[in-house]
Amino acid sequence: MSKQPDAFTRLTNALKVLPNVGPKSAQRMAHQLLQYKRTEAQELVDALQNALRLVHHCKMCNTFCEADLCDICADESRDRRRLMIVHMPADVSNMEIANCHDGLYFVLMGQISPAQGMDISAIALDKLVTRLQESEVEEIIIATNFTAEGDATAYILAELFKNLPYKVSRLSRGIPLGGELEYVDAGTLAQAVYERRLVKE
């Protein structure tokens, strides 16, 4: 029978689930939490447990929220004919800061990345199709990152919409090649939205 890891090792292993955290970084984080940040560590545990209990996906756009609908989807003043598709919730926040889109969103919660073993199942295509059924959407804006993964995701989306009655566009290349929306300044982001190009009329 294999021996169970001790408490410190278990904490270290758990911290490795975080992005860009390897074994050494996880060890340093575990040491800091236990040696100097025990009160903050307890707050982290409480916040994580609370989030796991309360946070789920918006029924319309698939972002994180606590109610059935997020604040944007519940806002009746938004233009429901225009839907922007993004990778992650952070992209929605950045678009809202840029104040360049008055429609609704759909959050894929991932991207296609063959190198990382993330195929079409890594994005919420089934939820997107369901979202579009019996909706008022007339225009779809593909706002994926200008990376190899973002381009692959955009291609799959364009193919999905090819024979459907939507006006389909993608953000302009005003965003730097290899750039991720989360890190693009608001002015550049707004310009990319205003100069988006049609994928399909």
N, C-alpha and C. Protein backbone atom coordinates (compact mmCIF):
# COMPACT_ATOMS: atom_id res chain seq x y z
N MET A 1 0.85 -1.19 0.00
CA MET A 1 0.00 0.00 0.00
C MET A 1 0.89 1.25 0.00
N SER A 2 0.62 2.18 -0.93
CA SER A 2 1.44 3.38 -1.04
C SER A 2 1.20 4.31 0.14
N LYS A 3 2.28 4.95 0.55
CA LYS A 3 2.21 5.87 1.69
C LYS A 3 1.60 7.20 1.25
N GLN A 4 0.68 7.73 2.05
CA GLN A 4 0.08 9.02 1.75
C GLN A 4 1.10 10.13 1.96
N PRO A 5 1.11 11.16 1.10
CA PRO A 5 2.08 12.26 1.28
C PRO A 5 1.78 13.04 2.56
N ASP A 6 2.84 13.59 3.16
CA ASP A 6 2.64 14.40 4.36
C ASP A 6 1.94 15.70 3.99
N ALA A 7 1.52 16.48 4.99
CA ALA A 7 0.70 17.66 4.77
C ALA A 7 1.41 18.71 3.91
N PHE A 8 2.71 18.91 4.16
CA PHE A 8 3.45 19.92 3.39
C PHE A 8 3.55 19.51 1.92
N THR A 9 3.83 18.24 1.68
CA THR A 9 3.93 17.73 0.30
C THR A 9 2.59 17.82 -0.40
N ARG A 10 1.52 17.52 0.32
CA ARG A 10 0.19 17.61 -0.27
C ARG A 10 -0.15 19.05 -0.67
N LEU A 11 0.21 20.01 0.19
CA LEU A 11 -0.01 21.42 -0.12
C LEU A 11 0.81 21.83 -1.34
N THR A 12 2.07 21.42 -1.37
CA THR A 12 2.94 21.74 -2.51
C THR A 12 2.36 21.20 -3.80
N ASN A 13 1.94 19.95 -3.77
CA ASN A 13 1.35 19.33 -4.96
C ASN A 13 0.08 20.05 -5.40
N ALA A 14 -0.71 20.50 -4.44
CA ALA A 14 -1.95 21.21 -4.76
C ALA A 14 -1.67 22.55 -5.41
N LEU A 15 -0.61 23.23 -4.97
CA LEU A 15 -0.27 24.54 -5.52
C LEU A 15 0.23 24.44 -6.96
N LYS A 16 0.72 23.28 -7.36
CA LYS A 16 1.23 23.11 -8.72
C LYS A 16 0.12 23.15 -9.77
N VAL A 17 -1.15 23.13 -9.34
CA VAL A 17 -2.26 23.24 -10.28
C VAL A 17 -2.36 24.65 -10.85
N LEU A 18 -1.77 25.64 -10.17
CA LEU A 18 -1.83 27.03 -10.62
C LEU A 18 -0.98 27.21 -11.87
N PRO A 19 -1.39 28.14 -12.77
CA PRO A 19 -0.63 28.37 -14.01
C PRO A 19 0.81 28.79 -13.73
N ASN A 20 1.72 28.23 -14.48
CA ASN A 20 3.15 28.59 -14.44
C ASN A 20 3.79 28.36 -13.08
N VAL A 21 3.23 27.47 -12.29
CA VAL A 21 3.82 27.13 -10.98
C VAL A 21 4.38 25.71 -11.05
N GLY A 22 5.71 25.63 -11.00
CA GLY A 22 6.38 24.34 -10.99
C GLY A 22 6.68 23.88 -9.57
N PRO A 23 7.39 22.76 -9.43
CA PRO A 23 7.67 22.20 -8.10
C PRO A 23 8.39 23.17 -7.16
N LYS A 24 9.41 23.87 -7.65
CA LYS A 24 10.19 24.79 -6.80
C LYS A 24 9.33 25.97 -6.36
N SER A 25 8.59 26.55 -7.31
CA SER A 25 7.72 27.69 -6.97
C SER A 25 6.66 27.26 -5.97
N ALA A 26 6.12 26.07 -6.17
CA ALA A 26 5.09 25.57 -5.27
C ALA A 26 5.64 25.38 -3.86
N GLN A 27 6.86 24.90 -3.75
CA GLN A 27 7.51 24.74 -2.44
C GLN A 27 7.69 26.08 -1.75
N ARG A 28 8.16 27.08 -2.51
CA ARG A 28 8.37 28.42 -1.94
C ARG A 28 7.04 29.01 -1.47
N MET A 29 5.99 28.86 -2.26
CA MET A 29 4.68 29.38 -1.89
C MET A 29 4.15 28.70 -0.63
N ALA A 30 4.30 27.38 -0.57
CA ALA A 30 3.84 26.65 0.61
C ALA A 30 4.59 27.10 1.86
N HIS A 31 5.90 27.30 1.73
CA HIS A 31 6.71 27.76 2.85
C HIS A 31 6.25 29.14 3.32
N GLN A 32 6.04 30.06 2.38
CA GLN A 32 5.60 31.42 2.72
C GLN A 32 4.25 31.41 3.45
N LEU A 33 3.34 30.61 2.92
CA LEU A 33 2.00 30.55 3.52
C LEU A 33 2.05 30.01 4.95
N LEU A 34 2.82 28.97 5.14
CA LEU A 34 2.85 28.33 6.46
C LEU A 34 3.72 29.09 7.46
N GLN A 35 4.78 29.72 6.98
CA GLN A 35 5.72 30.38 7.89
C GLN A 35 5.29 31.81 8.22
N TYR A 36 4.81 32.55 7.21
CA TYR A 36 4.59 33.98 7.39
C TYR A 36 3.15 34.44 7.15
N LYS A 37 2.35 33.63 6.46
CA LYS A 37 1.03 34.10 6.01
C LYS A 37 -0.10 33.16 6.43
N ARG A 38 -0.07 32.69 7.64
CA ARG A 38 -1.09 31.72 8.05
C ARG A 38 -2.49 32.34 8.07
N THR A 39 -2.61 33.56 8.53
CA THR A 39 -3.93 34.23 8.54
C THR A 39 -4.44 34.41 7.12
N GLU A 40 -3.55 34.90 6.23
CA GLU A 40 -3.93 35.09 4.83
C GLU A 40 -4.23 33.76 4.16
N ALA A 41 -3.51 32.71 4.56
CA ALA A 41 -3.76 31.39 3.99
C ALA A 41 -5.15 30.90 4.35
N GLN A 42 -5.58 31.17 5.58
CA GLN A 42 -6.93 30.77 5.99
C GLN A 42 -7.97 31.55 5.20
N GLU A 43 -7.70 32.84 4.96
CA GLU A 43 -8.61 33.65 4.14
C GLU A 43 -8.68 33.10 2.72
N LEU A 44 -7.55 32.64 2.20
CA LEU A 44 -7.51 32.04 0.88
C LEU A 44 -8.35 30.76 0.83
N VAL A 45 -8.21 29.93 1.86
CA VAL A 45 -9.01 28.70 1.94
C VAL A 45 -10.50 29.03 1.97
N ASP A 46 -10.87 30.00 2.81
CA ASP A 46 -12.28 30.37 2.93
C ASP A 46 -12.83 30.92 1.61
N ALA A 47 -12.03 31.79 0.96
CA ALA A 47 -12.46 32.38 -0.30
C ALA A 47 -12.61 31.33 -1.40
N LEU A 48 -11.69 30.38 -1.42
CA LEU A 48 -11.75 29.33 -2.43
C LEU A 48 -12.96 28.43 -2.21
N GLN A 49 -13.20 28.05 -0.96
CA GLN A 49 -14.36 27.22 -0.65
C GLN A 49 -15.66 27.95 -0.99
N ASN A 50 -15.71 29.25 -0.69
CA ASN A 50 -16.89 30.04 -0.98
C ASN A 50 -17.12 30.14 -2.49
N ALA A 51 -16.05 30.36 -3.25
CA ALA A 51 -16.16 30.46 -4.70
C ALA A 51 -16.60 29.13 -5.31
N LEU A 52 -16.05 28.04 -4.82
CA LEU A 52 -16.44 26.72 -5.33
C LEU A 52 -17.91 26.43 -5.07
N ARG A 53 -18.42 26.97 -3.98
CA ARG A 53 -19.82 26.75 -3.63
C ARG A 53 -20.77 27.66 -4.41
N LEU A 54 -20.35 28.91 -4.67
CA LEU A 54 -21.28 29.90 -5.20
C LEU A 54 -21.13 30.21 -6.69
N VAL A 55 -19.92 30.10 -7.20
CA VAL A 55 -19.67 30.54 -8.58
C VAL A 55 -19.95 29.41 -9.57
N HIS A 56 -20.69 29.75 -10.61
CA HIS A 56 -20.96 28.80 -11.69
C HIS A 56 -20.95 29.57 -13.01
N HIS A 57 -21.42 28.94 -14.08
CA HIS A 57 -21.41 29.58 -15.40
C HIS A 57 -22.74 30.25 -15.69
N CYS A 58 -22.66 31.45 -16.27
CA CYS A 58 -23.86 32.14 -16.73
C CYS A 58 -24.57 31.28 -17.77
N LYS A 59 -25.88 31.18 -17.67
CA LYS A 59 -26.63 30.32 -18.58
C LYS A 59 -26.61 30.81 -20.02
N MET A 60 -26.35 32.10 -20.21
CA MET A 60 -26.33 32.63 -21.58
C MET A 60 -24.93 32.73 -22.16
N CYS A 61 -24.00 33.34 -21.41
CA CYS A 61 -22.70 33.64 -22.02
C CYS A 61 -21.57 32.73 -21.54
N ASN A 62 -21.82 31.92 -20.52
CA ASN A 62 -20.85 30.93 -20.05
C ASN A 62 -19.73 31.52 -19.20
N THR A 63 -19.80 32.80 -18.84
CA THR A 63 -18.77 33.38 -17.96
C THR A 63 -19.06 32.97 -16.52
N PHE A 64 -18.21 33.37 -15.59
CA PHE A 64 -18.43 33.07 -14.19
C PHE A 64 -19.40 34.07 -13.58
N CYS A 65 -20.33 33.61 -12.78
CA CYS A 65 -21.23 34.49 -12.04
C CYS A 65 -21.88 33.69 -10.91
N GLU A 66 -22.64 34.37 -10.07
CA GLU A 66 -23.31 33.71 -8.95
C GLU A 66 -24.80 33.55 -9.19
N ALA A 67 -25.40 34.41 -10.02
CA ALA A 67 -26.82 34.29 -10.36
C ALA A 67 -26.97 33.44 -11.62
N ASP A 68 -28.21 33.23 -12.07
CA ASP A 68 -28.42 32.48 -13.30
C ASP A 68 -27.81 33.19 -14.49
N LEU A 69 -27.92 34.54 -14.50
CA LEU A 69 -27.35 35.35 -15.55
C LEU A 69 -26.34 36.33 -14.97
N CYS A 70 -25.27 36.60 -15.71
CA CYS A 70 -24.32 37.61 -15.29
C CYS A 70 -24.93 38.99 -15.48
N ASP A 71 -24.27 40.01 -14.95
CA ASP A 71 -24.80 41.37 -15.02
C ASP A 71 -24.98 41.85 -16.46
N ILE A 72 -24.06 41.48 -17.34
CA ILE A 72 -24.15 41.94 -18.73
C ILE A 72 -25.32 41.29 -19.45
N CYS A 73 -25.48 39.99 -19.30
CA CYS A 73 -26.59 39.29 -19.96
C CYS A 73 -27.94 39.74 -19.41
N ALA A 74 -27.97 40.13 -18.14
CA ALA A 74 -29.23 40.58 -17.52
C ALA A 74 -29.56 42.02 -17.85
N ASP A 75 -28.62 42.74 -18.46
CA ASP A 75 -28.81 44.15 -18.77
C ASP A 75 -29.64 44.30 -20.05
N GLU A 76 -30.87 44.74 -19.92
CA GLU A 76 -31.77 44.86 -21.06
C GLU A 76 -31.36 45.94 -22.05
N SER A 77 -30.47 46.84 -21.65
CA SER A 77 -30.05 47.91 -22.55
C SER A 77 -28.99 47.47 -23.55
N ARG A 78 -28.42 46.28 -23.38
CA ARG A 78 -27.39 45.80 -24.30
C ARG A 78 -28.02 45.43 -25.64
N ASP A 79 -27.25 45.58 -26.73
CA ASP A 79 -27.71 45.23 -28.07
C ASP A 79 -27.64 43.72 -28.24
N ARG A 80 -28.78 43.08 -28.23
CA ARG A 80 -28.83 41.63 -28.27
C ARG A 80 -28.68 41.05 -29.67
N ARG A 81 -28.52 41.94 -30.65
CA ARG A 81 -28.30 41.47 -32.02
C ARG A 81 -26.82 41.20 -32.30
N ARG A 82 -25.94 41.67 -31.40
CA ARG A 82 -24.51 41.58 -31.63
C ARG A 82 -23.86 40.74 -30.53
N LEU A 83 -23.16 39.68 -30.93
CA LEU A 83 -22.53 38.76 -29.97
C LEU A 83 -21.04 38.68 -30.23
N MET A 84 -20.24 38.96 -29.20
CA MET A 84 -18.79 38.86 -29.30
C MET A 84 -18.32 37.59 -28.60
N ILE A 85 -17.50 36.81 -29.28
CA ILE A 85 -16.99 35.55 -28.73
C ILE A 85 -15.55 35.74 -28.30
N VAL A 86 -15.26 35.47 -27.03
CA VAL A 86 -13.93 35.65 -26.46
C VAL A 86 -13.47 34.35 -25.79
N HIS A 87 -12.18 34.32 -25.46
CA HIS A 87 -11.63 33.13 -24.81
C HIS A 87 -12.04 33.00 -23.35
N MET A 88 -11.78 34.06 -22.55
CA MET A 88 -11.89 33.97 -21.11
C MET A 88 -12.63 35.17 -20.51
N PRO A 89 -13.12 35.07 -19.27
CA PRO A 89 -13.79 36.20 -18.62
C PRO A 89 -12.94 37.46 -18.57
N ALA A 90 -11.63 37.34 -18.44
CA ALA A 90 -10.76 38.53 -18.42
C ALA A 90 -10.88 39.32 -19.71
N ASP A 91 -11.16 38.64 -20.83
CA ASP A 91 -11.32 39.35 -22.10
C ASP A 91 -12.58 40.21 -22.10
N VAL A 92 -13.64 39.71 -21.46
CA VAL A 92 -14.87 40.50 -21.34
C VAL A 92 -14.58 41.76 -20.53
N SER A 93 -13.89 41.62 -19.41
CA SER A 93 -13.56 42.77 -18.56
C SER A 93 -12.77 43.81 -19.34
N ASN A 94 -11.81 43.35 -20.13
CA ASN A 94 -10.98 44.27 -20.90
C ASN A 94 -11.79 44.99 -21.97
N MET A 95 -12.71 44.27 -22.62
CA MET A 95 -13.58 44.89 -23.62
C MET A 95 -14.49 45.94 -22.97
N GLU A 96 -14.99 45.65 -21.79
CA GLU A 96 -15.86 46.59 -21.10
C GLU A 96 -15.10 47.85 -20.70
N ILE A 97 -13.84 47.71 -20.31
CA ILE A 97 -13.01 48.86 -19.98
C ILE A 97 -12.79 49.72 -21.22
N ALA A 98 -12.59 49.06 -22.37
CA ALA A 98 -12.38 49.78 -23.63
C ALA A 98 -13.65 50.47 -24.10
N ASN A 99 -14.80 50.04 -23.60
CA ASN A 99 -16.10 50.66 -23.91
C ASN A 99 -16.35 50.75 -25.41
N CYS A 100 -16.11 49.61 -26.11
CA CYS A 100 -16.22 49.61 -27.56
C CYS A 100 -17.22 48.57 -28.07
N HIS A 101 -17.93 47.94 -27.18
CA HIS A 101 -18.89 46.91 -27.58
C HIS A 101 -20.12 47.01 -26.68
N ASP A 102 -21.27 47.26 -27.29
CA ASP A 102 -22.49 47.40 -26.51
C ASP A 102 -23.41 46.19 -26.63
N GLY A 103 -22.89 45.12 -27.24
CA GLY A 103 -23.68 43.90 -27.37
C GLY A 103 -23.43 42.94 -26.23
N LEU A 104 -23.68 41.67 -26.50
CA LEU A 104 -23.46 40.61 -25.50
C LEU A 104 -22.21 39.82 -25.84
N TYR A 105 -21.88 38.89 -24.97
CA TYR A 105 -20.67 38.08 -25.13
C TYR A 105 -21.00 36.60 -25.05
N PHE A 106 -20.04 35.80 -25.55
CA PHE A 106 -20.02 34.38 -25.22
C PHE A 106 -18.57 34.03 -24.91
N VAL A 107 -18.36 33.37 -23.77
CA VAL A 107 -17.01 33.05 -23.30
C VAL A 107 -16.73 31.56 -23.53
N LEU A 108 -15.72 31.27 -24.35
CA LEU A 108 -15.40 29.89 -24.69
C LEU A 108 -14.78 29.12 -23.53
N MET A 109 -14.16 29.84 -22.60
CA MET A 109 -13.47 29.23 -21.45
C MET A 109 -12.31 28.33 -21.88
N GLY A 110 -11.64 28.75 -22.95
CA GLY A 110 -10.49 27.98 -23.41
C GLY A 110 -10.18 28.31 -24.85
N GLN A 111 -9.23 27.59 -25.42
CA GLN A 111 -8.87 27.75 -26.82
C GLN A 111 -8.31 26.43 -27.34
N ILE A 112 -8.26 26.32 -28.65
CA ILE A 112 -7.74 25.11 -29.27
C ILE A 112 -6.21 25.20 -29.31
N SER A 113 -5.56 24.19 -28.76
CA SER A 113 -4.10 24.17 -28.73
C SER A 113 -3.61 22.73 -28.86
N PRO A 114 -3.41 22.26 -30.10
CA PRO A 114 -2.96 20.88 -30.30
C PRO A 114 -1.67 20.55 -29.55
N ALA A 115 -0.78 21.55 -29.44
CA ALA A 115 0.49 21.32 -28.76
C ALA A 115 0.30 20.98 -27.29
N GLN A 116 -0.79 21.49 -26.68
CA GLN A 116 -1.08 21.22 -25.28
C GLN A 116 -2.18 20.17 -25.12
N GLY A 117 -2.52 19.51 -26.21
CA GLY A 117 -3.55 18.47 -26.15
C GLY A 117 -4.94 19.02 -25.97
N MET A 118 -5.16 20.29 -26.34
CA MET A 118 -6.48 20.92 -26.20
C MET A 118 -7.14 21.00 -27.57
N ASP A 119 -8.06 20.08 -27.84
CA ASP A 119 -8.73 20.05 -29.13
C ASP A 119 -10.06 20.79 -29.05
N ILE A 120 -10.96 20.50 -29.97
CA ILE A 120 -12.23 21.22 -30.04
C ILE A 120 -13.06 21.06 -28.77
N SER A 121 -12.79 20.00 -28.01
CA SER A 121 -13.54 19.78 -26.76
C SER A 121 -13.13 20.77 -25.68
N ALA A 122 -12.03 21.53 -25.91
CA ALA A 122 -11.56 22.50 -24.91
C ALA A 122 -12.36 23.79 -24.92
N ILE A 123 -13.18 23.99 -25.95
CA ILE A 123 -14.02 25.19 -26.02
C ILE A 123 -15.49 24.78 -26.00
N ALA A 124 -16.33 25.65 -25.49
CA ALA A 124 -17.74 25.31 -25.23
C ALA A 124 -18.61 25.48 -26.48
N LEU A 125 -18.29 24.73 -27.54
CA LEU A 125 -19.05 24.88 -28.78
C LEU A 125 -20.51 24.47 -28.63
N ASP A 126 -20.76 23.39 -27.89
CA ASP A 126 -22.14 22.94 -27.69
C ASP A 126 -22.97 24.03 -27.01
N LYS A 127 -22.40 24.66 -25.99
CA LYS A 127 -23.10 25.74 -25.29
C LYS A 127 -23.32 26.93 -26.22
N LEU A 128 -22.34 27.20 -27.09
CA LEU A 128 -22.47 28.31 -28.03
C LEU A 128 -23.62 28.05 -29.00
N VAL A 129 -23.69 26.84 -29.53
CA VAL A 129 -24.78 26.50 -30.46
C VAL A 129 -26.12 26.64 -29.77
N THR A 130 -26.20 26.15 -28.54
CA THR A 130 -27.45 26.28 -27.77
C THR A 130 -27.78 27.74 -27.54
N ARG A 131 -26.75 28.54 -27.23
CA ARG A 131 -26.96 29.97 -26.99
C ARG A 131 -27.56 30.66 -28.22
N LEU A 132 -27.13 30.26 -29.39
CA LEU A 132 -27.56 30.92 -30.62
C LEU A 132 -28.96 30.51 -31.07
N GLN A 133 -29.39 29.35 -30.63
CA GLN A 133 -30.71 28.88 -31.04
C GLN A 133 -31.80 29.81 -30.50
N GLU A 134 -32.70 30.21 -31.37
CA GLU A 134 -33.83 31.07 -31.02
C GLU A 134 -33.38 32.37 -30.34
N SER A 135 -32.21 32.89 -30.75
CA SER A 135 -31.72 34.15 -30.20
C SER A 135 -31.97 35.28 -31.21
N GLU A 136 -31.69 36.50 -30.78
CA GLU A 136 -31.86 37.67 -31.65
C GLU A 136 -30.57 38.02 -32.38
N VAL A 137 -29.54 37.21 -32.24
CA VAL A 137 -28.22 37.54 -32.78
C VAL A 137 -28.24 37.62 -34.31
N GLU A 138 -27.68 38.74 -34.81
CA GLU A 138 -27.53 38.94 -36.25
C GLU A 138 -26.06 39.00 -36.65
N GLU A 139 -25.23 39.55 -35.76
CA GLU A 139 -23.80 39.68 -36.04
C GLU A 139 -22.99 38.99 -34.97
N ILE A 140 -21.97 38.26 -35.40
CA ILE A 140 -21.05 37.58 -34.48
C ILE A 140 -19.65 38.16 -34.70
N ILE A 141 -19.03 38.60 -33.62
CA ILE A 141 -17.66 39.13 -33.68
C ILE A 141 -16.74 38.12 -33.01
N ILE A 142 -15.83 37.56 -33.78
CA ILE A 142 -14.86 36.60 -33.24
C ILE A 142 -13.69 37.40 -32.67
N ALA A 143 -13.54 37.38 -31.36
CA ALA A 143 -12.52 38.17 -30.67
C ALA A 143 -11.52 37.25 -29.98
N THR A 144 -10.98 36.33 -30.73
CA THR A 144 -9.96 35.43 -30.17
C THR A 144 -8.59 36.08 -30.29
N ASN A 145 -7.63 35.57 -29.53
CA ASN A 145 -6.28 36.12 -29.51
C ASN A 145 -5.60 35.92 -30.87
N PHE A 146 -4.64 36.80 -31.18
CA PHE A 146 -3.86 36.65 -32.40
C PHE A 146 -2.60 35.85 -32.11
N THR A 147 -2.83 34.63 -31.69
CA THR A 147 -1.79 33.63 -31.47
C THR A 147 -2.14 32.42 -32.33
N ALA A 148 -1.25 31.43 -32.40
CA ALA A 148 -1.55 30.22 -33.17
C ALA A 148 -2.82 29.56 -32.65
N GLU A 149 -2.97 29.55 -31.31
CA GLU A 149 -4.16 28.94 -30.71
C GLU A 149 -5.41 29.75 -31.01
N GLY A 150 -5.29 31.08 -30.92
CA GLY A 150 -6.42 31.95 -31.22
C GLY A 150 -6.85 31.85 -32.66
N ASP A 151 -5.86 31.76 -33.57
CA ASP A 151 -6.18 31.62 -34.99
C ASP A 151 -6.87 30.29 -35.27
N ALA A 152 -6.40 29.23 -34.62
CA ALA A 152 -7.03 27.92 -34.80
C ALA A 152 -8.47 27.93 -34.30
N THR A 153 -8.68 28.58 -33.17
CA THR A 153 -10.02 28.69 -32.60
C THR A 153 -10.92 29.52 -33.52
N ALA A 154 -10.39 30.61 -34.03
CA ALA A 154 -11.16 31.47 -34.95
C ALA A 154 -11.54 30.71 -36.21
N TYR A 155 -10.64 29.89 -36.71
CA TYR A 155 -10.92 29.11 -37.93
C TYR A 155 -12.07 28.14 -37.69
N ILE A 156 -12.04 27.46 -36.54
CA ILE A 156 -13.12 26.51 -36.21
C ILE A 156 -14.46 27.24 -36.09
N LEU A 157 -14.43 28.41 -35.47
CA LEU A 157 -15.66 29.19 -35.33
C LEU A 157 -16.18 29.66 -36.68
N ALA A 158 -15.27 30.14 -37.54
CA ALA A 158 -15.67 30.60 -38.88
C ALA A 158 -16.29 29.46 -39.67
N GLU A 159 -15.72 28.27 -39.55
CA GLU A 159 -16.29 27.10 -40.23
C GLU A 159 -17.67 26.76 -39.69
N LEU A 160 -17.85 26.90 -38.38
CA LEU A 160 -19.14 26.63 -37.75
C LEU A 160 -20.22 27.55 -38.29
N PHE A 161 -19.85 28.81 -38.51
CA PHE A 161 -20.83 29.82 -38.94
C PHE A 161 -20.95 29.96 -40.46
N LYS A 162 -20.13 29.22 -41.21
CA LYS A 162 -20.02 29.42 -42.65
C LYS A 162 -21.36 29.38 -43.38
N ASN A 163 -22.20 28.45 -43.03
CA ASN A 163 -23.48 28.29 -43.73
C ASN A 163 -24.67 28.74 -42.89
N LEU A 164 -24.39 29.56 -41.88
CA LEU A 164 -25.46 30.06 -41.02
C LEU A 164 -25.71 31.54 -41.32
N PRO A 165 -26.92 32.01 -41.06
CA PRO A 165 -27.31 33.37 -41.48
C PRO A 165 -26.84 34.48 -40.55
N TYR A 166 -25.53 34.53 -40.28
CA TYR A 166 -24.99 35.59 -39.43
C TYR A 166 -23.97 36.41 -40.20
N LYS A 167 -23.89 37.69 -39.89
CA LYS A 167 -22.78 38.50 -40.34
C LYS A 167 -21.63 38.22 -39.38
N VAL A 168 -20.52 37.72 -39.90
CA VAL A 168 -19.42 37.28 -39.04
C VAL A 168 -18.17 38.10 -39.32
N SER A 169 -17.57 38.64 -38.27
CA SER A 169 -16.33 39.40 -38.41
C SER A 169 -15.34 38.96 -37.36
N ARG A 170 -14.08 39.36 -37.57
CA ARG A 170 -13.04 39.10 -36.57
C ARG A 170 -12.33 40.41 -36.28
N LEU A 171 -11.79 40.54 -35.09
CA LEU A 171 -11.08 41.76 -34.72
C LEU A 171 -9.99 42.08 -35.73
N SER A 172 -9.75 43.38 -35.93
CA SER A 172 -8.69 43.83 -36.80
C SER A 172 -7.33 43.44 -36.22
N ARG A 173 -6.34 43.39 -37.09
CA ARG A 173 -4.99 43.06 -36.64
C ARG A 173 -4.30 44.23 -35.97
N GLY A 174 -5.05 45.19 -35.48
CA GLY A 174 -4.45 46.26 -34.70
C GLY A 174 -3.83 45.71 -33.42
N ILE A 175 -4.30 44.55 -33.01
CA ILE A 175 -3.70 43.87 -31.85
C ILE A 175 -2.39 43.22 -32.31
N PRO A 176 -1.30 43.39 -31.56
CA PRO A 176 -0.01 42.84 -31.99
C PRO A 176 -0.07 41.34 -32.22
N LEU A 177 0.65 40.86 -33.23
CA LEU A 177 0.75 39.43 -33.48
C LEU A 177 1.30 38.73 -32.24
N GLY A 178 0.60 37.71 -31.79
CA GLY A 178 1.00 37.02 -30.57
C GLY A 178 0.43 37.64 -29.32
N GLY A 179 -0.32 38.76 -29.50
CA GLY A 179 -0.88 39.47 -28.34
C GLY A 179 -2.11 38.78 -27.78
N GLU A 180 -2.30 38.89 -26.48
CA GLU A 180 -3.47 38.35 -25.80
C GLU A 180 -4.32 39.53 -25.31
N LEU A 181 -5.63 39.40 -25.48
CA LEU A 181 -6.53 40.51 -25.18
C LEU A 181 -6.37 41.05 -23.76
N GLU A 182 -6.08 40.14 -22.83
CA GLU A 182 -5.98 40.52 -21.43
C GLU A 182 -4.93 41.60 -21.20
N TYR A 183 -3.91 41.65 -22.09
CA TYR A 183 -2.78 42.56 -21.88
C TYR A 183 -2.74 43.72 -22.88
N VAL A 184 -3.77 43.82 -23.71
CA VAL A 184 -3.80 44.89 -24.71
C VAL A 184 -4.43 46.14 -24.10
N ASP A 185 -3.86 47.31 -24.41
CA ASP A 185 -4.40 48.54 -23.85
C ASP A 185 -5.76 48.85 -24.47
N ALA A 186 -6.56 49.64 -23.75
CA ALA A 186 -7.95 49.89 -24.14
C ALA A 186 -8.06 50.56 -25.50
N GLY A 187 -7.16 51.51 -25.81
CA GLY A 187 -7.23 52.21 -27.09
C GLY A 187 -7.02 51.27 -28.27
N THR A 188 -6.00 50.42 -28.19
CA THR A 188 -5.72 49.45 -29.25
C THR A 188 -6.87 48.48 -29.39
N LEU A 189 -7.42 48.06 -28.26
CA LEU A 189 -8.53 47.11 -28.27
C LEU A 189 -9.76 47.73 -28.94
N ALA A 190 -10.07 48.98 -28.60
CA ALA A 190 -11.21 49.65 -29.21
C ALA A 190 -11.03 49.79 -30.71
N GLN A 191 -9.81 50.15 -31.14
CA GLN A 191 -9.54 50.30 -32.57
C GLN A 191 -9.71 48.98 -33.30
N ALA A 192 -9.29 47.87 -32.67
CA ALA A 192 -9.43 46.56 -33.28
C ALA A 192 -10.89 46.19 -33.47
N VAL A 193 -11.73 46.59 -32.52
CA VAL A 193 -13.17 46.32 -32.64
C VAL A 193 -13.77 47.16 -33.76
N TYR A 194 -13.44 48.46 -33.80
CA TYR A 194 -14.01 49.35 -34.80
C TYR A 194 -13.57 48.96 -36.22
N GLU A 195 -12.36 48.41 -36.36
CA GLU A 195 -11.84 48.06 -37.69
C GLU A 195 -11.90 46.56 -37.95
N ARG A 196 -12.76 45.87 -37.22
CA ARG A 196 -12.88 44.42 -37.45
C ARG A 196 -13.24 44.13 -38.90
N ARG A 197 -12.80 42.98 -39.40
CA ARG A 197 -13.05 42.64 -40.79
C ARG A 197 -14.06 41.49 -40.87
N LEU A 198 -14.79 41.48 -41.96
CA LEU A 198 -15.79 40.44 -42.16
C LEU A 198 -15.13 39.11 -42.46
N VAL A 199 -15.62 38.05 -41.82
CA VAL A 199 -15.26 36.68 -42.18
C VAL A 199 -16.29 36.17 -43.19
N LYS A 200 -17.55 36.56 -42.96
CA LYS A 200 -18.64 36.16 -43.85
C LYS A 200 -19.72 37.22 -43.80
N GLU A 201 -20.22 37.67 -44.94
CA GLU A 201 -21.31 38.65 -45.01
C GLU A 201 -22.63 37.96 -44.73
